[in-house]
């Protein structure tokens, strides 16, 4: 059985993965978008920031043991983090 902080890690990983999506999309479409480095940041900065979020999310997931193939608590925690960050970003930018 996984400790409580493992679920927190998966939740945070989901948040990083969700945050990667808008930055990668804006980066690859050549558009500026807000990052911690500017508002707006150039497309290249967004592509790099998106990749960094992807890498951190993936590193957390693999460091905690991966997700597996079926729906399980790990997948649920990561999905909840992804959903939470997605709703937060929608409200923040919308």
C-alpha atoms as a PDB file:
ATOM      1  CA  UNK A   1       0.000   0.000   0.000  1.00  0.00           C
ATOM      2  CA  UNK A   2       1.279   3.440  -0.919  1.00  0.00           C
ATOM      3  CA  UNK A   3       1.794   6.129   1.717  1.00  0.00           C
ATOM      4  CA  UNK A   4      -0.386   9.267   1.637  1.00  0.00           C
ATOM      5  CA  UNK A   5       2.425  11.421   0.259  1.00  0.00           C
ATOM      6  CA  UNK A   6       2.661   9.163  -2.776  1.00  0.00           C
ATOM      7  CA  UNK A   7      -0.877  10.161  -3.706  1.00  0.00           C
ATOM      8  CA  UNK A   8       0.051  13.815  -3.203  1.00  0.00           C
ATOM      9  CA  UNK A   9       2.982  13.255  -5.570  1.00  0.00           C
ATOM     10  CA  UNK A  10       0.726  11.743  -8.233  1.00  0.00           C
ATOM     11  CA  UNK A  11      -1.732  14.621  -7.779  1.00  0.00           C
ATOM     12  CA  UNK A  12       1.069  17.167  -8.265  1.00  0.00           C
ATOM     13  CA  UNK A  13       2.384  15.249 -11.271  1.00  0.00           C
ATOM     14  CA  UNK A  14      -1.069  15.490 -12.853  1.00  0.00           C
ATOM     15  CA  UNK A  15      -1.006  19.236 -12.274  1.00  0.00           C
ATOM     16  CA  UNK A  16       2.378  19.583 -13.954  1.00  0.00           C
ATOM     17  CA  UNK A  17       1.166  17.515 -16.914  1.00  0.00           C
ATOM     18  CA  UNK A  18      -1.959  19.670 -17.280  1.00  0.00           C
ATOM     19  CA  UNK A  19       0.123  22.854 -17.130  1.00  0.00           C
ATOM     20  CA  UNK A  20       2.391  21.504 -19.868  1.00  0.00           C
ATOM     21  CA  UNK A  21      -0.473  21.348 -22.376  1.00  0.00           C
ATOM     22  CA  UNK A  22      -1.257  25.065 -22.947  1.00  0.00           C
ATOM     23  CA  UNK A  23       2.409  26.045 -22.984  1.00  0.00           C
ATOM     24  CA  UNK A  24       3.368  23.336 -25.448  1.00  0.00           C
ATOM     25  CA  UNK A  25       0.396  24.162 -27.680  1.00  0.00           C
ATOM     26  CA  UNK A  26       1.124  27.881 -27.696  1.00  0.00           C
ATOM     27  CA  UNK A  27       4.802  27.198 -28.254  1.00  0.00           C
ATOM     28  CA  UNK A  28       4.345  24.864 -31.217  1.00  0.00           C
ATOM     29  CA  UNK A  29       1.783  27.183 -32.806  1.00  0.00           C
ATOM     30  CA  UNK A  30       4.188  30.112 -32.557  1.00  0.00           C
ATOM     31  CA  UNK A  31       2.127  32.194 -30.151  1.00  0.00           C
ATOM     32  CA  UNK A  32       3.143  34.106 -27.063  1.00  0.00           C
ATOM     33  CA  UNK A  33       1.574  33.170 -23.745  1.00  0.00           C
ATOM     34  CA  UNK A  34       2.145  33.978 -20.062  1.00  0.00           C
ATOM     35  CA  UNK A  35       4.922  32.089 -18.250  1.00  0.00           C
ATOM     36  CA  UNK A  36       6.847  32.896 -15.057  1.00  0.00           C
ATOM     37  CA  UNK A  37       9.368  34.569 -17.374  1.00  0.00           C
ATOM     38  CA  UNK A  38       7.076  37.161 -18.926  1.00  0.00           C
ATOM     39  CA  UNK A  39       3.584  38.127 -20.016  1.00  0.00           C
ATOM     40  CA  UNK A  40       3.467  37.178 -22.771  1.00  0.00           C
ATOM     41  CA  UNK A  41       6.560  35.041 -23.233  1.00  0.00           C
ATOM     42  CA  UNK A  42       7.765  34.177 -26.740  1.00  0.00           C
ATOM     43  CA  UNK A  43       6.680  30.896 -28.322  1.00  0.00           C
ATOM     44  CA  UNK A  44      10.106  29.309 -27.798  1.00  0.00           C
ATOM     45  CA  UNK A  45       9.980  30.089 -24.071  1.00  0.00           C
ATOM     46  CA  UNK A  46       6.515  28.518 -23.919  1.00  0.00           C
ATOM     47  CA  UNK A  47       7.725  25.403 -25.687  1.00  0.00           C
ATOM     48  CA  UNK A  48      10.615  25.093 -23.227  1.00  0.00           C
ATOM     49  CA  UNK A  49       8.403  25.820 -20.201  1.00  0.00           C
ATOM     50  CA  UNK A  50       5.830  23.305 -21.410  1.00  0.00           C
ATOM     51  CA  UNK A  51       8.512  20.668 -21.864  1.00  0.00           C
ATOM     52  CA  UNK A  52       9.896  21.408 -18.390  1.00  0.00           C
ATOM     53  CA  UNK A  53       6.425  20.865 -16.880  1.00  0.00           C
ATOM     54  CA  UNK A  54       6.064  17.642 -18.866  1.00  0.00           C
ATOM     55  CA  UNK A  55       9.473  16.431 -17.696  1.00  0.00           C
ATOM     56  CA  UNK A  56       8.744  17.223 -14.026  1.00  0.00           C
ATOM     57  CA  UNK A  57       5.355  15.498 -14.152  1.00  0.00           C
ATOM     58  CA  UNK A  58       6.838  12.453 -15.849  1.00  0.00           C
ATOM     59  CA  UNK A  59       9.790  12.346 -13.426  1.00  0.00           C
ATOM     60  CA  UNK A  60       7.446  12.388 -10.427  1.00  0.00           C
ATOM     61  CA  UNK A  61       5.303   9.602 -11.872  1.00  0.00           C
ATOM     62  CA  UNK A  62       8.234   7.392 -12.790  1.00  0.00           C
ATOM     63  CA  UNK A  63       9.969   8.142  -9.485  1.00  0.00           C
ATOM     64  CA  UNK A  64       6.882   6.971  -7.609  1.00  0.00           C
ATOM     65  CA  UNK A  65       6.662   3.744  -9.584  1.00  0.00           C
ATOM     66  CA  UNK A  66       4.630   4.583 -12.687  1.00  0.00           C
ATOM     67  CA  UNK A  67       0.911   4.362 -13.276  1.00  0.00           C
ATOM     68  CA  UNK A  68       0.198   0.849 -14.561  1.00  0.00           C
ATOM     69  CA  UNK A  69      -2.209  -0.119 -17.316  1.00  0.00           C
ATOM     70  CA  UNK A  70      -5.599  -0.058 -15.640  1.00  0.00           C
ATOM     71  CA  UNK A  71      -7.462   2.482 -13.607  1.00  0.00           C
ATOM     72  CA  UNK A  72      -6.086   2.436 -10.082  1.00  0.00           C
ATOM     73  CA  UNK A  73      -5.579   4.870  -7.214  1.00  0.00           C
ATOM     74  CA  UNK A  74      -2.366   6.203  -8.721  1.00  0.00           C
ATOM     75  CA  UNK A  75      -4.103   6.973 -12.014  1.00  0.00           C
ATOM     76  CA  UNK A  76      -7.013   8.473 -10.085  1.00  0.00           C
ATOM     77  CA  UNK A  77      -4.737  10.768  -8.083  1.00  0.00           C
ATOM     78  CA  UNK A  78      -2.909  11.915 -11.234  1.00  0.00           C
ATOM     79  CA  UNK A  79      -6.217  12.399 -13.073  1.00  0.00           C
ATOM     80  CA  UNK A  80      -7.601  14.426 -10.166  1.00  0.00           C
ATOM     81  CA  UNK A  81      -4.484  16.620 -10.217  1.00  0.00           C
ATOM     82  CA  UNK A  82      -4.790  17.031 -13.995  1.00  0.00           C
ATOM     83  CA  UNK A  83      -8.467  17.956 -13.695  1.00  0.00           C
ATOM     84  CA  UNK A  84      -7.860  20.346 -10.804  1.00  0.00           C
ATOM     85  CA  UNK A  85      -5.103  22.202 -12.638  1.00  0.00           C
ATOM     86  CA  UNK A  86      -7.201  22.283 -15.823  1.00  0.00           C
ATOM     87  CA  UNK A  87     -10.173  23.857 -14.022  1.00  0.00           C
ATOM     88  CA  UNK A  88      -7.880  26.293 -12.186  1.00  0.00           C
ATOM     89  CA  UNK A  89      -6.199  27.372 -15.435  1.00  0.00           C
ATOM     90  CA  UNK A  90      -9.563  27.736 -17.192  1.00  0.00           C
ATOM     91  CA  UNK A  91     -10.827  30.007 -14.427  1.00  0.00           C
ATOM     92  CA  UNK A  92      -7.534  31.915 -14.175  1.00  0.00           C
ATOM     93  CA  UNK A  93      -7.103  32.609 -17.880  1.00  0.00           C
ATOM     94  CA  UNK A  94     -10.805  32.777 -18.747  1.00  0.00           C
END
